[in-house]
Amino acid sequence: MILSRLGDLPAAEEHLHLALDIHGLGRRRTRAIVHANLAGVRLRRGNLDGALTSWGTFLDRADGIRSVKVQAAVRDMRVRLRRFEGMSEAQQLRQTAAQLLA
């Protein structure tokens, strides 16, 4: 995520993919957060479809996890998706996210 903050989005996306390929990355919370970060990077790169896919995976992985980090990522996702209220997939993700926060 340091690469993302520095503005090197292609390298950030590549490193997030590498993180998902690490076999030791077995904790559900960690994998969920990596998917949430990947979605954010993809959105910043203009890849809305990729971002929506990553957020969907994030929500699937985050289901049942009680974590401050996961809740923060869910809230961040919901805020970012407000711009796409006319898209049914974005609305569905926001609704699913709202259920996770409840």
Protein backbone atom coordinates (compact mmCIF):
# COMPACT_ATOMS: atom_id res chain seq x y z
CA MET A 1 0.00 0.00 0.00
CA ILE A 2 3.02 2.26 0.30
CA LEU A 3 3.35 2.08 -3.47
CA SER A 4 -0.27 3.15 -3.78
CA ARG A 5 0.28 6.13 -1.51
CA LEU A 6 3.32 7.09 -3.59
CA GLY A 7 1.15 7.00 -6.70
CA ASP A 8 2.67 3.90 -8.32
CA LEU A 9 -0.66 2.16 -8.83
CA PRO A 10 0.51 -0.49 -11.34
CA ALA A 11 3.22 -1.67 -8.94
CA ALA A 12 0.78 -1.55 -6.01
CA GLU A 13 -1.68 -3.76 -7.89
CA GLU A 14 1.09 -6.17 -8.83
CA HIS A 15 2.28 -6.47 -5.23
CA LEU A 16 -1.26 -7.04 -3.97
CA HIS A 17 -1.64 -9.88 -6.48
CA LEU A 18 1.66 -11.31 -5.24
CA ALA A 19 0.38 -11.11 -1.66
CA LEU A 20 -2.66 -13.17 -2.63
CA ASP A 21 -0.38 -15.78 -4.22
CA ILE A 22 1.62 -16.29 -1.03
CA HIS A 23 0.66 -19.68 0.34
CA GLY A 24 1.15 -18.58 3.95
CA LEU A 25 -1.49 -15.89 3.55
CA GLY A 26 -4.07 -18.14 5.12
CA ARG A 27 -5.81 -15.88 7.59
CA ARG A 28 -9.24 -14.93 6.32
CA ARG A 29 -9.04 -11.40 7.68
CA THR A 30 -5.70 -10.76 5.98
CA ARG A 31 -6.92 -12.10 2.64
CA ALA A 32 -10.09 -10.03 2.94
CA ILE A 33 -8.14 -6.83 3.59
CA VAL A 34 -5.83 -7.52 0.63
CA HIS A 35 -8.90 -7.85 -1.61
CA ALA A 36 -10.30 -4.59 -0.25
CA ASN A 37 -6.99 -2.82 -0.90
CA LEU A 38 -6.81 -4.32 -4.39
CA ALA A 39 -10.30 -3.00 -5.12
CA GLY A 40 -9.29 0.49 -4.04
CA VAL A 41 -6.21 0.44 -6.26
CA ARG A 42 -8.21 -0.88 -9.21
CA LEU A 43 -10.79 1.87 -8.76
CA ARG A 44 -8.08 4.54 -8.69
CA ARG A 45 -6.70 3.06 -11.93
CA GLY A 46 -10.11 3.38 -13.57
CA ASN A 47 -10.90 -0.34 -13.55
CA LEU A 48 -14.40 -0.25 -12.08
CA ASP A 49 -15.27 -3.82 -13.09
CA GLY A 50 -12.10 -5.13 -11.45
CA ALA A 51 -12.80 -3.07 -8.33
CA LEU A 52 -16.35 -4.40 -8.06
CA THR A 53 -15.10 -7.96 -8.46
CA SER A 54 -12.46 -7.47 -5.76
CA TRP A 55 -14.96 -5.87 -3.40
CA GLY A 56 -17.32 -8.79 -3.94
CA THR A 57 -14.53 -11.19 -3.00
CA PHE A 58 -13.66 -9.00 -0.02
CA LEU A 59 -17.24 -9.13 1.27
CA ASP A 60 -17.37 -12.92 0.82
CA ARG A 61 -14.12 -13.34 2.78
CA ALA A 62 -15.09 -10.77 5.43
CA ASP A 63 -18.43 -12.39 6.25
CA GLY A 64 -18.42 -13.42 9.89
CA ILE A 65 -15.15 -11.69 10.75
CA ARG A 66 -15.31 -9.20 13.61
CA SER A 67 -12.44 -6.80 13.09
CA VAL A 68 -11.96 -3.06 13.30
CA LYS A 69 -9.87 -3.21 10.12
CA VAL A 70 -12.55 -5.09 8.22
CA GLN A 71 -15.27 -2.72 9.41
CA ALA A 72 -13.18 0.28 8.33
CA ALA A 73 -12.65 -1.30 4.90
CA VAL A 74 -16.40 -1.96 4.57
CA ARG A 75 -17.21 1.66 5.45
CA ASP A 76 -14.57 2.92 3.00
CA MET A 77 -16.00 0.71 0.25
CA ARG A 78 -19.53 1.96 0.86
CA VAL A 79 -18.38 5.60 0.64
CA ARG A 80 -16.50 4.98 -2.60
CA LEU A 81 -19.46 3.18 -4.16
CA ARG A 82 -21.83 6.11 -3.56
CA ARG A 83 -20.61 7.60 -6.84
CA PHE A 84 -22.05 4.62 -8.69
CA GLU A 85 -25.58 4.58 -7.29
CA GLY A 86 -27.06 3.97 -10.73
CA MET A 87 -25.23 0.66 -11.10
CA SER A 88 -27.06 -2.37 -9.77
CA GLU A 89 -23.86 -4.25 -8.92
CA ALA A 90 -22.55 -1.33 -6.86
CA GLN A 91 -25.89 -1.05 -5.06
CA GLN A 92 -25.87 -4.77 -4.29
CA LEU A 93 -22.37 -4.52 -2.83
CA ARG A 94 -23.41 -1.55 -0.68
CA GLN A 95 -26.42 -3.50 0.63
CA THR A 96 -24.31 -6.55 1.42
CA ALA A 97 -21.78 -4.29 3.16
CA ALA A 98 -24.53 -2.70 5.24
CA GLN A 99 -25.51 -6.17 6.47
CA LEU A 100 -21.92 -6.83 7.55
CA LEU A 101 -21.90 -3.63 9.57
CA ALA A 102 -25.19 -4.41 11.31
